[in-house]
Amino acid sequence: MAGVHAARTLSVSIRCDPKAVCAFVSDGANLPRWATAFCQSATPAKDGWLVETPQGPVTIRLAGQNPFGVVDHDVVPASGPAVHVPMRIVPNGSGSEVLFTLFRTPEMSDERFAEDLRLVEQDLATLKRVLERA
């Protein structure tokens, strides 16, 4: 058994309808607009989105639009196992709460995990800015 990994769930409140947030986040073409710390470009591919990242190309497979606010995605590097990323959009009053869970894998150092958390917080802040301006 692989055991249980350390995890942190980060969230951001956005003054925008949950359906609109889901539609925006579940469209891979929008990744470069809000996931700026991770995504330099996104191109449609047969099995998801080909995304250029600072660490090299990866494929992103998004859950797709659904009525439950589930925007999970798999990050598939050119070599190595896929990383599953749980993400949810839930109603918060007249707006939304976006929840993003990051797992610390066994090979990840404390410093790397802290840096990844910082980058996700940055991307969630960008998502809030982009959607609240719309």
C-alpha atoms as a PDB file:
ATOM      1  CA  MET A   1       0.000   0.000   0.000  1.00  0.00           C
ATOM      2  CA  ALA A   2       1.299   3.442  -0.935  1.00  0.00           C
ATOM      3  CA  GLY A   3       0.096   5.080   2.262  1.00  0.00           C
ATOM      4  CA  VAL A   4      -1.456   8.492   2.677  1.00  0.00           C
ATOM      5  CA  HIS A   5       0.257  11.604   1.347  1.00  0.00           C
ATOM      6  CA  ALA A   6       0.327  14.957   3.077  1.00  0.00           C
ATOM      7  CA  ALA A   7      -2.160  17.288   1.416  1.00  0.00           C
ATOM      8  CA  ARG A   8      -3.268  20.910   1.535  1.00  0.00           C
ATOM      9  CA  THR A   9      -6.470  22.301   0.142  1.00  0.00           C
ATOM     10  CA  LEU A  10      -6.278  25.941  -0.842  1.00  0.00           C
ATOM     11  CA  SER A  11      -9.330  28.032  -1.626  1.00  0.00           C
ATOM     12  CA  VAL A  12     -10.315  31.396  -2.978  1.00  0.00           C
ATOM     13  CA  SER A  13     -13.662  33.192  -2.878  1.00  0.00           C
ATOM     14  CA  ILE A  14     -14.732  34.666  -6.219  1.00  0.00           C
ATOM     15  CA  ARG A  15     -17.599  37.091  -6.834  1.00  0.00           C
ATOM     16  CA  CYS A  16     -18.831  35.142  -9.840  1.00  0.00           C
ATOM     17  CA  ASP A  17     -21.571  32.556 -10.456  1.00  0.00           C
ATOM     18  CA  PRO A  18     -20.350  28.952  -9.901  1.00  0.00           C
ATOM     19  CA  LYS A  19     -21.562  27.847 -13.350  1.00  0.00           C
ATOM     20  CA  ALA A  20     -19.539  30.615 -14.995  1.00  0.00           C
ATOM     21  CA  VAL A  21     -16.454  29.714 -12.935  1.00  0.00           C
ATOM     22  CA  CYS A  22     -16.838  26.022 -13.864  1.00  0.00           C
ATOM     23  CA  ALA A  23     -17.240  26.846 -17.548  1.00  0.00           C
ATOM     24  CA  PHE A  24     -14.116  29.027 -17.505  1.00  0.00           C
ATOM     25  CA  VAL A  25     -11.893  26.657 -15.506  1.00  0.00           C
ATOM     26  CA  SER A  26     -12.969  23.496 -17.335  1.00  0.00           C
ATOM     27  CA  ASP A  27     -11.937  24.991 -20.702  1.00  0.00           C
ATOM     28  CA  GLY A  28      -8.250  24.217 -21.233  1.00  0.00           C
ATOM     29  CA  ALA A  29      -7.932  27.168 -23.613  1.00  0.00           C
ATOM     30  CA  ASN A  30      -8.237  29.433 -20.540  1.00  0.00           C
ATOM     31  CA  LEU A  31      -5.304  27.872 -18.644  1.00  0.00           C
ATOM     32  CA  PRO A  32      -2.767  30.491 -19.853  1.00  0.00           C
ATOM     33  CA  ARG A  33      -5.089  33.257 -18.620  1.00  0.00           C
ATOM     34  CA  TRP A  34      -5.218  32.136 -14.987  1.00  0.00           C
ATOM     35  CA  ALA A  35      -2.666  29.359 -14.314  1.00  0.00           C
ATOM     36  CA  THR A  36       0.187  31.683 -15.236  1.00  0.00           C
ATOM     37  CA  ALA A  37       2.727  30.191 -12.807  1.00  0.00           C
ATOM     38  CA  PHE A  38       2.200  26.767 -14.387  1.00  0.00           C
ATOM     39  CA  CYS A  39       0.983  27.212 -17.960  1.00  0.00           C
ATOM     40  CA  GLN A  40       2.826  29.144 -20.648  1.00  0.00           C
ATOM     41  CA  SER A  41       0.579  27.894 -23.469  1.00  0.00           C
ATOM     42  CA  ALA A  42      -2.193  25.340 -24.052  1.00  0.00           C
ATOM     43  CA  THR A  43      -2.952  23.583 -27.333  1.00  0.00           C
ATOM     44  CA  PRO A  44      -5.793  21.113 -27.903  1.00  0.00           C
ATOM     45  CA  ALA A  45      -4.560  17.520 -28.236  1.00  0.00           C
ATOM     46  CA  LYS A  46      -6.359  14.240 -28.914  1.00  0.00           C
ATOM     47  CA  ASP A  47      -6.261  13.234 -25.242  1.00  0.00           C
ATOM     48  CA  GLY A  48      -6.584  16.618 -23.547  1.00  0.00           C
ATOM     49  CA  TRP A  49      -4.462  19.749 -23.720  1.00  0.00           C
ATOM     50  CA  LEU A  50      -0.749  19.967 -24.484  1.00  0.00           C
ATOM     51  CA  VAL A  51       0.579  22.506 -21.999  1.00  0.00           C
ATOM     52  CA  GLU A  52       4.016  24.113 -21.970  1.00  0.00           C
ATOM     53  CA  THR A  53       5.217  24.545 -18.381  1.00  0.00           C
ATOM     54  CA  PRO A  54       8.481  25.821 -16.865  1.00  0.00           C
ATOM     55  CA  GLN A  55       9.368  22.122 -16.294  1.00  0.00           C
ATOM     56  CA  GLY A  56       8.582  21.110 -19.889  1.00  0.00           C
ATOM     57  CA  PRO A  57       5.533  19.872 -21.785  1.00  0.00           C
ATOM     58  CA  VAL A  58       2.696  18.005 -20.054  1.00  0.00           C
ATOM     59  CA  THR A  59      -0.732  16.806 -21.096  1.00  0.00           C
ATOM     60  CA  ILE A  60      -3.702  18.000 -19.046  1.00  0.00           C
ATOM     61  CA  ARG A  61      -6.838  15.875 -19.027  1.00  0.00           C
ATOM     62  CA  LEU A  62      -9.756  17.878 -17.613  1.00  0.00           C
ATOM     63  CA  ALA A  63     -12.886  16.329 -16.105  1.00  0.00           C
ATOM     64  CA  GLY A  64     -15.034  18.433 -18.430  1.00  0.00           C
ATOM     65  CA  GLN A  65     -18.117  20.443 -17.598  1.00  0.00           C
ATOM     66  CA  ASN A  66     -20.561  18.781 -15.231  1.00  0.00           C
ATOM     67  CA  PRO A  67     -23.358  19.946 -12.902  1.00  0.00           C
ATOM     68  CA  PHE A  68     -21.401  19.104  -9.732  1.00  0.00           C
ATOM     69  CA  GLY A  69     -18.574  21.659  -9.847  1.00  0.00           C
ATOM     70  CA  VAL A  70     -15.924  18.951 -10.233  1.00  0.00           C
ATOM     71  CA  VAL A  71     -12.991  20.290 -12.224  1.00  0.00           C
ATOM     72  CA  ASP A  72     -10.486  17.560 -11.397  1.00  0.00           C
ATOM     73  CA  HIS A  73      -7.655  17.131 -13.838  1.00  0.00           C
ATOM     74  CA  ASP A  74      -4.724  14.842 -14.472  1.00  0.00           C
ATOM     75  CA  VAL A  75      -1.288  16.267 -15.219  1.00  0.00           C
ATOM     76  CA  VAL A  76       0.597  13.786 -17.388  1.00  0.00           C
ATOM     77  CA  PRO A  77       4.316  14.513 -17.841  1.00  0.00           C
ATOM     78  CA  ALA A  78       6.244  13.269 -20.875  1.00  0.00           C
ATOM     79  CA  SER A  79       7.764  10.627 -18.603  1.00  0.00           C
ATOM     80  CA  GLY A  80       6.549   9.489 -15.221  1.00  0.00           C
ATOM     81  CA  PRO A  81       3.162   8.867 -13.683  1.00  0.00           C
ATOM     82  CA  ALA A  82       0.130  11.115 -14.029  1.00  0.00           C
ATOM     83  CA  VAL A  83      -0.669  13.388 -11.098  1.00  0.00           C
ATOM     84  CA  HIS A  84      -4.353  13.680 -10.163  1.00  0.00           C
ATOM     85  CA  VAL A  85      -5.393  17.151  -9.020  1.00  0.00           C
ATOM     86  CA  PRO A  86      -8.780  17.468  -7.268  1.00  0.00           C
ATOM     87  CA  MET A  87     -10.470  20.818  -7.857  1.00  0.00           C
ATOM     88  CA  ARG A  88     -13.992  21.899  -6.941  1.00  0.00           C
ATOM     89  CA  ILE A  89     -16.159  24.933  -7.465  1.00  0.00           C
ATOM     90  CA  VAL A  90     -18.909  25.264  -4.862  1.00  0.00           C
ATOM     91  CA  PRO A  91     -21.521  27.978  -4.296  1.00  0.00           C
ATOM     92  CA  ASN A  92     -20.577  30.597  -1.715  1.00  0.00           C
ATOM     93  CA  GLY A  93     -23.483  32.989  -1.266  1.00  0.00           C
ATOM     94  CA  SER A  94     -24.014  34.637  -4.643  1.00  0.00           C
ATOM     95  CA  GLY A  95     -20.463  33.737  -5.678  1.00  0.00           C
ATOM     96  CA  SER A  96     -18.134  30.765  -5.684  1.00  0.00           C
ATOM     97  CA  GLU A  97     -15.482  29.057  -3.619  1.00  0.00           C
ATOM     98  CA  VAL A  98     -12.730  27.391  -5.641  1.00  0.00           C
ATOM     99  CA  LEU A  99     -10.950  24.562  -3.806  1.00  0.00           C
ATOM    100  CA  PHE A 100      -7.677  23.109  -5.087  1.00  0.00           C
ATOM    101  CA  THR A 101      -6.003  20.158  -3.344  1.00  0.00           C
ATOM    102  CA  LEU A 102      -2.269  19.635  -3.677  1.00  0.00           C
ATOM    103  CA  PHE A 103      -0.675  16.376  -2.543  1.00  0.00           C
ATOM    104  CA  ARG A 104       2.905  16.045  -1.392  1.00  0.00           C
ATOM    105  CA  THR A 105       4.346  13.023  -3.160  1.00  0.00           C
ATOM    106  CA  PRO A 106       7.044  10.944  -1.427  1.00  0.00           C
ATOM    107  CA  GLU A 107       9.848  12.336  -3.612  1.00  0.00           C
ATOM    108  CA  MET A 108       8.821  15.973  -2.997  1.00  0.00           C
ATOM    109  CA  SER A 109      10.986  17.966  -0.586  1.00  0.00           C
ATOM    110  CA  ASP A 110       9.498  20.326   2.013  1.00  0.00           C
ATOM    111  CA  GLU A 111      10.841  23.239  -0.020  1.00  0.00           C
ATOM    112  CA  ARG A 112       9.302  22.001  -3.280  1.00  0.00           C
ATOM    113  CA  PHE A 113       5.910  21.413  -1.617  1.00  0.00           C
ATOM    114  CA  ALA A 114       5.990  24.920  -0.099  1.00  0.00           C
ATOM    115  CA  GLU A 115       6.900  26.411  -3.488  1.00  0.00           C
ATOM    116  CA  ASP A 116       4.109  24.497  -5.251  1.00  0.00           C
ATOM    117  CA  LEU A 117       1.636  25.767  -2.635  1.00  0.00           C
ATOM    118  CA  ARG A 118       2.845  29.331  -3.214  1.00  0.00           C
ATOM    119  CA  LEU A 119       2.420  28.952  -6.984  1.00  0.00           C
ATOM    120  CA  VAL A 120      -1.103  27.527  -6.629  1.00  0.00           C
ATOM    121  CA  GLU A 121      -2.045  30.439  -4.333  1.00  0.00           C
ATOM    122  CA  GLN A 122      -0.697  32.822  -6.978  1.00  0.00           C
ATOM    123  CA  ASP A 123      -2.732  31.117  -9.714  1.00  0.00           C
ATOM    124  CA  LEU A 124      -5.915  31.141  -7.616  1.00  0.00           C
ATOM    125  CA  ALA A 125      -5.431  34.875  -6.993  1.00  0.00           C
ATOM    126  CA  THR A 126      -5.038  35.373 -10.756  1.00  0.00           C
ATOM    127  CA  LEU A 127      -8.215  33.352 -11.391  1.00  0.00           C
ATOM    128  CA  LYS A 128     -10.098  35.603  -8.954  1.00  0.00           C
ATOM    129  CA  ARG A 129      -8.761  38.749 -10.635  1.00  0.00           C
ATOM    130  CA  VAL A 130      -9.614  37.541 -14.156  1.00  0.00           C
ATOM    131  CA  LEU A 131     -13.146  36.397 -13.319  1.00  0.00           C
ATOM    132  CA  GLU A 132     -14.088  39.371 -11.154  1.00  0.00           C
ATOM    133  CA  ARG A 133     -13.035  41.733 -13.964  1.00  0.00           C
ATOM    134  CA  ALA A 134     -15.236  39.942 -16.509  1.00  0.00           C
END
